Protein backbone atom coordinates (compact mmCIF):
# COMPACT_ATOMS: atom_id res chain seq x y z
CA MET A 1 26.88 -19.88 -9.61
CA LYS A 2 27.57 -20.47 -6.09
CA ILE A 3 28.18 -16.79 -5.28
CA VAL A 4 24.67 -16.08 -6.92
CA THR A 5 23.05 -18.66 -5.12
CA THR A 6 24.64 -17.46 -1.75
CA LEU A 7 23.79 -13.90 -2.44
CA TYR A 8 20.09 -14.68 -3.40
CA ARG A 9 19.83 -16.71 -0.15
CA GLN A 10 20.85 -13.56 1.91
CA VAL A 11 18.19 -11.46 -0.12
CA GLU A 12 15.53 -14.14 -0.57
CA HIS A 13 13.25 -13.17 2.27
CA LEU A 14 13.43 -9.57 1.15
CA VAL A 15 12.62 -10.51 -2.55
CA HIS A 16 9.38 -12.13 -1.31
CA GLU A 17 8.53 -9.29 0.84
CA VAL A 18 8.89 -7.07 -2.14
CA ALA A 19 6.94 -9.15 -4.29
CA LYS A 20 3.85 -9.69 -1.82
CA PHE A 21 3.95 -6.06 -1.05
CA GLY A 22 4.00 -5.10 -4.74
CA LEU A 23 0.88 -7.63 -5.08
CA VAL A 24 -1.07 -6.11 -2.36
CA GLY A 25 -0.23 -2.60 -3.73
CA LEU A 26 -1.48 -3.45 -7.11
CA LEU A 27 -4.72 -4.76 -5.52
CA GLY A 28 -4.65 -1.42 -3.65
CA THR A 29 -4.47 0.43 -7.08
CA VAL A 30 -7.39 -1.69 -8.45
CA VAL A 31 -9.46 -0.34 -5.72
CA ASP A 32 -7.87 3.42 -5.96
CA LEU A 33 -8.19 4.29 -9.78
CA PRO A 34 -11.74 3.38 -10.62
CA ILE A 35 -12.70 5.32 -7.32
CA TYR A 36 -10.64 8.23 -8.12
CA ASN A 37 -11.71 8.40 -11.79
CA TRP A 38 -15.34 7.75 -11.09
CA LEU A 39 -15.23 10.74 -8.44
CA VAL A 40 -13.56 13.10 -10.83
CA PHE A 41 -14.55 11.97 -14.29
CA ASP A 42 -17.64 10.12 -13.73
CA ASN A 43 -15.85 7.20 -15.67
CA PRO A 44 -14.19 4.57 -13.61
CA LEU A 45 -12.57 2.89 -16.52
CA ILE A 46 -10.73 6.09 -17.98
CA PHE A 47 -11.97 4.96 -21.52
CA GLY A 48 -14.55 6.60 -23.20
CA THR A 49 -15.63 9.94 -22.94
CA PRO A 50 -15.10 11.43 -19.57
CA GLY A 51 -17.65 13.63 -18.09
CA ASP A 52 -17.74 15.81 -14.92
CA GLY A 53 -17.78 13.65 -11.32
CA VAL A 54 -19.09 14.74 -8.34
CA PHE A 55 -15.52 16.03 -7.17
CA HIS A 56 -14.72 17.19 -10.83
CA HIS A 57 -13.29 20.55 -9.41
CA LYS A 58 -11.91 18.85 -6.28
CA PRO A 59 -9.42 16.35 -7.59
CA LEU A 60 -7.23 16.29 -4.52
CA THR A 61 -10.56 15.66 -2.18
CA ALA A 62 -11.28 12.75 -4.41
CA LYS A 63 -7.78 11.38 -4.35
CA VAL A 64 -7.89 11.42 -0.50
CA ILE A 65 -11.17 9.40 -0.74
CA SER A 66 -10.11 6.77 -3.00
CA THR A 67 -6.52 6.32 -1.31
CA THR A 68 -8.38 6.17 2.05
CA ILE A 69 -10.47 3.42 0.85
CA ALA A 70 -7.60 1.58 -0.57
CA THR A 71 -5.71 1.97 2.42
CA VAL A 72 -8.03 -0.23 4.26
CA VAL A 73 -7.57 -3.04 1.66
CA THR A 74 -3.65 -2.57 1.65
CA TYR A 75 -3.61 -2.72 5.50
CA LEU A 76 -5.37 -5.93 5.69
CA GLY A 77 -3.34 -7.45 2.70
CA ASN A 78 0.06 -6.22 4.19
CA ARG A 79 -0.80 -7.33 7.71
CA HIS A 80 -2.14 -10.76 7.04
CA TRP A 81 0.04 -11.72 4.05
CA THR A 82 3.07 -9.62 3.34
CA TRP A 83 4.22 -9.22 6.81
CA ARG A 84 2.30 -12.05 8.59
CA HIS A 85 5.80 -13.40 10.01
CA ARG A 86 6.60 -10.08 11.78
CA GLU A 87 5.76 -9.45 15.40
CA ARG A 88 2.33 -7.94 15.93
CA THR A 89 2.55 -4.96 18.35
CA GLY A 90 -1.14 -4.21 18.70
CA LEU A 91 -3.82 -3.51 16.15
CA HIS A 92 -4.39 -0.13 17.45
CA ARG A 93 -0.60 0.80 17.18
CA GLU A 94 -0.02 -0.85 13.74
CA TYR A 95 -3.30 0.70 12.42
CA VAL A 96 -2.50 4.08 13.41
CA LEU A 97 1.03 4.19 12.27
CA PHE A 98 -0.04 2.44 8.94
CA PHE A 99 -2.53 5.35 8.25
CA VAL A 100 -0.24 8.16 9.14
CA LEU A 101 2.52 6.62 6.97
CA ASN A 102 -0.02 6.12 4.24
CA ALA A 103 -1.09 9.91 4.61
CA ILE A 104 2.45 10.68 3.79
CA GLY A 105 2.44 8.74 0.78
CA LEU A 106 -0.73 10.32 -0.16
CA LEU A 107 0.77 13.64 0.18
CA ILE A 108 3.55 12.50 -2.04
CA ALA A 109 0.70 11.47 -4.95
CA ALA A 110 -1.64 14.55 -4.10
CA GLY A 111 1.70 16.81 -4.48
CA CYS A 112 2.29 15.37 -7.86
CA LEU A 113 -1.32 15.69 -8.77
CA GLY A 114 -1.32 19.32 -7.53
CA PHE A 115 1.61 20.19 -9.61
CA SER A 116 0.38 19.00 -12.72
CA ARG A 117 -3.11 20.59 -12.18
CA TYR A 118 -2.33 23.65 -10.78
CA VAL A 119 1.41 24.53 -12.20
CA LEU A 120 1.43 22.76 -15.63
CA ASP A 121 -2.38 23.58 -16.02
CA GLN A 122 -3.37 19.95 -17.11
CA HIS A 123 -7.02 19.27 -16.29
CA ASN A 124 -7.51 15.79 -18.09
CA ALA A 125 -7.84 12.39 -17.04
CA LEU A 126 -4.42 11.18 -18.84
CA ALA A 127 -2.59 14.12 -17.16
CA ASP A 128 -4.23 13.27 -13.69
CA ASN A 129 -3.57 9.33 -13.72
CA ILE A 130 0.10 9.93 -15.06
CA SER A 131 0.88 12.41 -12.23
CA ALA A 132 -0.97 10.98 -9.30
CA ASN A 133 -1.35 7.04 -10.06
CA ILE A 134 1.88 6.70 -11.88
CA ILE A 135 4.35 9.14 -10.74
CA GLY A 136 3.19 10.00 -7.29
CA LEU A 137 1.91 6.29 -6.53
CA GLY A 138 5.50 5.14 -7.36
CA LEU A 139 7.47 7.74 -5.35
CA GLY A 140 4.86 6.80 -2.61
CA THR A 141 5.17 3.36 -2.81
CA LEU A 142 9.05 3.41 -2.17
CA PHE A 143 8.42 5.49 1.21
CA ARG A 144 5.58 3.19 1.99
CA PHE A 145 7.66 0.01 1.73
CA TRP A 146 10.58 1.39 3.57
CA SER A 147 8.39 2.92 6.47
CA TYR A 148 6.04 -0.13 6.76
CA ARG A 149 9.04 -2.52 7.08
CA LYS A 150 10.62 -0.26 9.46
CA PHE A 151 7.93 1.23 11.80
CA VAL A 152 4.77 -0.60 11.49
CA PHE A 153 5.70 -4.28 10.77
CA LYS A 154 8.49 -4.53 13.05
CA GLU A 155 11.24 -7.02 13.50
CA GLU A 156 10.61 -10.56 12.61
CA LEU A 157 9.71 -13.09 15.22
CA ALA A 158 12.64 -15.11 16.34
CA LEU A 159 12.68 -18.94 15.73
CA GLU A 160 12.27 -19.75 19.31
CA GLU A 161 9.33 -17.06 19.99
CA ALA A 162 7.50 -18.43 16.87
CA GLU A 163 7.60 -22.01 18.44
CA HIS A 164 6.70 -20.69 21.57
CA HIS A 165 3.53 -19.02 20.06
CA ALA A 166 2.71 -22.50 18.49
CA ALA A 167 3.27 -24.18 21.71
CA ASP A 168 0.76 -21.69 23.50
CA ALA A 169 -1.96 -22.27 20.77
CA GLU A 170 -1.46 -26.01 21.43
CA ASN A 171 -1.91 -25.62 25.23
CA THR A 172 -5.00 -23.25 24.89
CA GLY A 173 -6.72 -25.48 22.18
CA ASP A 174 -6.51 -22.69 19.57
CA ILE A 175 -5.49 -23.35 16.03
CA PRO A 176 -1.83 -22.58 15.81
CA VAL A 177 -0.99 -20.01 13.02
CA VAL A 178 0.94 -21.39 10.08
CA ARG A 179 3.75 -19.09 8.82
C-alpha cells in the first residue's frame, strides 16, 4: 500500500490538473455544443426535429464560431483555476498562444467533421456531433492539455518566488493571491 501512496504523491499534482482541465473543458463543451447545433440545425439541444440553421450548409464555419466562443470561456477557466499556480508570462503572450494552440485543436475537430461530412457523406446531427464533438474534441483535448501545459501556462512558481509575491502584496497593500 505504501508503494501506491508514494506513487500517487508523485503524480498527485498532475491528477489535480487533469481533473480541473477536464471540468473547464466540460464547461467549454456546454458552451460549444448548443451554439454549433443551433447554427447548423436550428436546434441547440439536438433533441426533437432538427431544421436548417443559419449555417446549415457551412458546418465548418459554424464549428469555428462555436469553438471560438468556447475558447474565451476555457481560457478564463484554465488561467484562473486549472493553472493558477503557474507563472504568469503576460496576458498577451498567454492569450495569443492559447488561441493558436486552440486553433490547432479546432483543426483536429474540423478535420473529423469534414471527413464525416464530405468523405463519408454523413449530413445529420448525430454524425456531426459524433465526428466533431466526440472524436474530434477528444483528440483535440489531448493535444490541448499537453500544449497548454508545455507552452502557455509554463513552469510552476518556485515556493520562494510564491512567498516573494505574497510579501510584495503585503508591502503594497494589495490582497495576496491564495494558491
